[in-house]
Amino acid sequence: MAKQKNRYKELELKLTAALIAEAVVFIIYLIAAGTGTVWLKVITAIVAILGCGACLALLYLAGEILRSRSLWMTCGFAAIILCLVFSLILNYPSPNQLKKNQNYTPVGAVTIQLD
């Protein structure tokens, strides 16, 4: 029993570090998507999806994916994948293409013409 408990603690420790690393990769993805750095956005999206998918597969193979003690890890990895997929589908955040246009006026801005 004690050996099994230590094995779970080791799994939990490694997957906690992986979850933190995936969260950092997701934050880098959001920054890259917001600034318009397409190559970094693509790389971080691929790394995040593959990393979270691998961690979920590991939890499934260990038989811990739906156990109450490991549910927080499962939800964390699944949430990162869902947020990333929806962000890719909706293309959000993305740089505002209208700001490059000279005739762009922000909503609520007042323009004054002097004749």
Foldseek 3Di string as FASTA:
>chain_A
DVVVVVVVVVLVVVLVVLLVVLVVLLVQLQVCQQVVVVVSVVVSLVVSVVSLVVNLVVCVVVVNPPDPVCVVSNVSSVVSNVVSVVCVVVSPPHYDPCVVPPPDDDPPDDDDDDD
